[in-house]
Protein backbone atom coordinates (compact mmCIF):
# COMPACT_ATOMS: atom_id res chain seq x y z
CA MET A 1 149.89 -23.28 189.53
CA PRO A 2 146.95 -24.08 191.83
CA ALA A 3 147.67 -26.05 194.98
CA PRO A 4 147.05 -29.81 194.65
CA LEU A 5 143.83 -31.19 196.00
CA PRO A 6 143.96 -33.42 199.09
CA ILE A 7 144.27 -37.10 198.17
CA ARG A 8 140.83 -38.60 198.62
CA ALA A 9 141.19 -41.93 196.80
CA VAL A 10 143.89 -44.27 195.49
CA SER A 11 143.87 -46.45 192.39
CA PHE A 12 146.25 -49.32 191.69
CA ASP A 13 147.49 -50.83 188.47
CA LEU A 14 147.42 -54.64 188.62
CA ASP A 15 150.09 -56.38 186.51
CA GLY A 16 153.53 -55.35 187.71
CA THR A 17 152.08 -53.41 190.65
CA LEU A 18 150.19 -55.88 192.81
CA TYR A 19 152.54 -58.69 191.75
CA ALA A 20 155.79 -58.88 189.76
CA THR A 21 155.20 -59.90 186.16
CA GLY A 22 158.88 -60.63 185.54
CA ALA A 23 159.09 -63.14 188.38
CA HIS A 24 155.84 -64.75 187.26
CA ARG A 25 157.17 -65.06 183.73
CA LEU A 26 160.23 -66.89 185.01
CA ARG A 27 158.07 -69.27 187.05
CA LEU A 28 156.09 -70.14 183.93
CA MET A 29 158.94 -70.21 181.42
CA ILE A 30 158.56 -73.88 180.51
CA HIS A 31 154.87 -73.35 179.81
CA LEU A 32 155.34 -70.08 177.94
CA LEU A 33 157.88 -71.29 175.39
CA PRO A 34 155.34 -73.26 173.28
CA GLN A 35 153.05 -70.21 173.31
CA LEU A 36 155.75 -67.69 172.41
CA PRO A 37 154.43 -66.83 168.90
CA LEU A 38 151.00 -66.12 170.40
CA ILE A 39 152.48 -64.05 173.23
CA ARG A 40 154.52 -61.96 170.82
CA ALA A 41 151.51 -61.41 168.56
CA TRP A 42 149.37 -60.45 171.55
CA GLY A 43 151.98 -57.97 172.77
CA ALA A 44 152.14 -56.33 169.34
CA ALA A 45 148.35 -56.23 169.09
CA VAL A 46 147.98 -54.60 172.50
CA LYS A 47 150.67 -52.04 171.62
CA ALA A 48 148.71 -51.14 168.50
CA ALA A 49 145.44 -50.94 170.44
CA ARG A 50 146.94 -48.42 172.88
CA ARG A 51 147.13 -45.83 170.12
CA GLY A 52 143.46 -44.93 170.18
CA ARG A 53 139.97 -45.52 171.47
CA ALA A 54 137.67 -48.30 170.25
CA PRO A 55 134.39 -49.77 171.50
CA ASP A 56 135.67 -53.36 171.12
CA ILE A 57 139.36 -53.47 171.96
CA ALA A 58 139.26 -57.21 172.70
CA GLY A 59 137.83 -57.90 169.26
CA GLU A 60 140.45 -55.71 167.62
CA VAL A 61 143.20 -57.56 169.48
CA HIS A 62 141.81 -60.95 168.44
CA ARG A 63 141.62 -59.87 164.79
CA ASP A 64 145.16 -58.47 164.93
CA ILE A 65 146.51 -61.71 166.43
CA ALA A 66 144.67 -63.74 163.78
CA ARG A 67 146.24 -61.65 161.02
CA ARG A 68 149.74 -61.89 162.48
CA LEU A 69 149.58 -65.67 163.00
CA ALA A 70 147.49 -66.45 159.88
CA ILE A 71 144.78 -68.19 161.91
CA SER A 72 141.06 -67.61 162.32
CA GLU A 73 139.72 -65.03 164.76
CA GLU A 74 137.99 -67.83 166.68
CA GLU A 75 141.28 -69.69 167.09
CA ALA A 76 143.06 -66.50 168.13
CA ARG A 77 140.40 -65.87 170.79
CA ALA A 78 140.60 -69.45 172.10
CA ARG A 79 144.39 -69.53 172.21
CA LEU A 80 144.61 -66.16 173.95
CA TRP A 81 142.00 -67.24 176.51
CA PHE A 82 144.01 -70.39 177.24
CA PHE A 83 147.20 -68.37 177.74
CA LEU A 84 145.63 -65.68 179.92
CA GLU A 85 143.31 -67.84 182.01
CA ARG A 86 144.72 -71.37 182.06
CA THR A 87 148.43 -70.52 181.98
CA TRP A 88 149.08 -67.04 183.40
CA THR A 89 146.22 -66.36 185.81
CA ALA A 90 145.80 -69.96 187.00
CA ALA A 91 149.41 -69.96 188.25
CA LEU A 92 149.07 -66.82 190.40
CA ARG A 93 149.11 -67.34 194.17
CA PRO A 94 148.57 -65.08 197.21
CA THR A 95 152.28 -65.48 197.98
CA HIS A 96 153.09 -63.66 194.74
CA VAL A 97 151.73 -60.32 196.00
CA LEU A 98 154.55 -57.78 196.16
CA PRO A 99 155.97 -56.94 199.61
CA GLY A 100 154.23 -53.96 201.15
CA VAL A 101 151.11 -54.16 199.00
CA ARG A 102 148.85 -55.88 201.53
CA GLU A 103 150.04 -53.52 204.24
CA ALA A 104 149.36 -50.53 201.98
CA LEU A 105 145.82 -51.72 201.29
CA ALA A 106 145.20 -52.29 205.01
CA LEU A 107 146.53 -48.80 205.74
CA LEU A 108 144.12 -47.21 203.27
CA ASP A 109 141.22 -49.21 204.68
CA ALA A 110 142.11 -48.18 208.23
CA ARG A 111 142.12 -44.53 207.19
CA GLY A 112 138.88 -44.84 205.26
CA VAL A 113 140.53 -43.97 201.93
CA PRO A 114 138.69 -45.72 199.07
CA ARG A 115 140.73 -47.77 196.63
CA ALA A 116 140.16 -49.12 193.13
CA VAL A 117 141.95 -51.27 190.59
CA ALA A 118 142.64 -49.48 187.30
CA SER A 119 144.22 -51.97 184.91
CA ASP A 120 144.48 -52.37 181.14
CA HIS A 121 143.00 -55.88 181.15
CA PRO A 122 140.14 -57.65 182.99
CA THR A 123 140.93 -57.99 186.68
CA ALA A 124 138.57 -60.45 188.40
CA GLY A 125 140.49 -63.69 187.86
CA LYS A 126 143.86 -62.24 188.81
CA LEU A 127 142.57 -60.52 191.94
CA ALA A 128 140.90 -63.74 193.09
CA ALA A 129 144.03 -65.80 192.43
CA LEU A 130 146.15 -63.31 194.39
CA GLY A 131 143.71 -63.30 197.31
CA LEU A 132 143.01 -59.60 196.75
CA ALA A 133 139.41 -59.70 195.54
CA GLU A 134 137.92 -57.85 198.52
CA GLY A 135 137.85 -54.22 199.57
CA TRP A 136 137.90 -52.44 196.21
CA GLN A 137 135.44 -49.65 195.52
CA ALA A 138 135.73 -50.57 191.83
CA ALA A 139 137.76 -52.88 189.59
CA LEU A 140 138.06 -51.34 186.14
CA ASP A 141 140.00 -52.09 182.98
CA GLY A 142 140.75 -50.02 179.92
CA GLU A 143 140.04 -52.91 177.58
CA THR A 144 136.40 -52.93 178.63
CA LEU A 145 136.20 -49.13 178.72
CA GLY A 146 137.57 -48.85 175.17
CA ALA A 147 140.84 -47.03 175.93
CA MET A 148 144.00 -48.36 177.53
CA LYS A 149 146.83 -46.49 179.22
CA PRO A 150 148.48 -44.10 178.58
CA LEU A 151 145.01 -42.77 177.73
CA PRO A 152 143.32 -41.55 180.93
CA GLU A 153 139.86 -43.16 180.68
CA VAL A 154 140.39 -45.92 183.24
CA LEU A 155 141.68 -43.44 185.84
CA LEU A 156 138.87 -41.00 185.16
CA ALA A 157 136.41 -43.87 185.62
CA ALA A 158 138.14 -44.91 188.86
CA ALA A 159 137.93 -41.38 190.25
CA GLU A 160 134.25 -41.18 189.35
CA ALA A 161 133.54 -44.57 190.92
CA MET A 162 135.14 -43.41 194.17
CA GLY A 163 133.34 -40.08 194.13
CA CYS A 164 136.35 -37.81 193.86
CA PRO A 165 137.64 -35.39 191.23
CA PRO A 166 140.61 -36.72 189.21
CA GLY A 167 142.86 -34.14 190.86
CA ALA A 168 142.24 -35.81 194.23
CA LEU A 169 143.24 -39.26 192.93
CA LEU A 170 146.60 -40.91 193.53
CA HIS A 171 147.45 -43.70 191.10
CA VAL A 172 149.99 -46.38 192.05
CA GLY A 173 151.66 -48.17 189.16
CA ASP A 174 154.90 -49.63 187.91
CA ARG A 175 155.46 -47.84 184.58
CA ALA A 176 155.92 -44.10 184.21
CA ASP A 177 155.31 -44.34 180.45
CA MET A 178 151.90 -45.96 180.98
CA ASP A 179 150.61 -45.44 184.54
CA GLY A 180 152.41 -42.16 185.04
CA ALA A 181 151.37 -40.80 181.65
CA ALA A 182 147.75 -41.83 182.21
CA ALA A 183 147.75 -40.15 185.62
CA HIS A 184 149.17 -36.96 184.12
CA ALA A 185 146.57 -37.00 181.34
CA ALA A 186 143.79 -37.48 183.90
CA GLY A 187 145.09 -34.71 186.16
CA ALA A 188 145.83 -37.22 188.93
CA ARG A 189 149.03 -37.86 190.86
CA TYR A 190 151.30 -40.85 190.32
CA LEU A 191 153.36 -42.99 192.68
CA CYS A 192 155.63 -45.77 191.43
CA VAL A 193 155.12 -48.97 193.42
CA LEU A 194 158.91 -49.44 193.49
CA ASP A 195 161.22 -46.98 195.20
CA GLU A 196 164.59 -45.82 193.86
CA ARG A 197 166.14 -49.10 195.04
CA GLY A 198 163.57 -51.18 193.18
CA SER A 199 161.73 -52.25 196.33
CA SER A 200 158.01 -52.12 197.12
CA ALA A 201 158.46 -52.96 200.80
CA ASN A 202 158.24 -49.34 201.95
CA LEU A 203 155.10 -48.57 199.91
CA PRO A 204 153.00 -48.08 203.10
CA THR A 205 155.51 -45.54 204.44
CA ARG A 206 155.54 -43.62 201.16
CA LEU A 207 151.74 -43.64 201.05
CA VAL A 208 151.53 -42.29 204.59
CA ALA A 209 153.92 -39.47 203.67
CA LEU A 210 151.72 -38.45 200.74
CA LEU A 211 148.48 -38.72 202.69
CA ASP A 212 149.88 -36.76 205.64
CA ALA A 213 151.24 -34.11 203.30
CA ASN A 214 147.73 -33.40 202.02
CA PRO A 215 146.99 -29.70 202.08
CA GLN A 216 144.28 -28.84 204.57
CA GLU A 217 140.90 -28.54 202.94
CA SER A 218 139.53 -25.03 203.09
CA ARG A 219 136.98 -24.47 205.80
CA PRO A 220 134.05 -22.04 205.64
């Protein structure tokens, strides 16, 4: 097999990678219970949407939710917006950022390594709520691009936005079956945000090890 390319850029998943979704779910439990039928329908709709490519994934998800809950598409859209924006995103705080993440971003910036967000869902509101809106070369989501992970489109778009071939991209995520599979499909490398002990605190150290292990670029 050919030698791996030097890592020239890093992309990050958002949910579960920049902050812990499980802990956030527990914080919001009292508010989520009344919305549980919607949340379950949304989860099933997103799972179905992952199976292929579509120009309007959001619309497909809204129609799927409407069918599952026997409501209109307009009501499905409004209820999902309320859950995502007014319940989930509005409750995010800068203190919810996973340990090691801010230090990892600062490390990349200090080394001049470009970084991007490569999520399944729109990113702007969550990044702002977490206090992480600045410093990204690009903030992309598969929903807008028409293909969600494990399909590779969002990572291919991130690599292009940062001006590097996919083989020189490192993607940091929390799920091997989604982030890892998308990275493999794109020809990129994958790093789980959590180590074998389930901690993100040493993410900067693990990033340094990968960056310093870069093969030397060939010189003329």
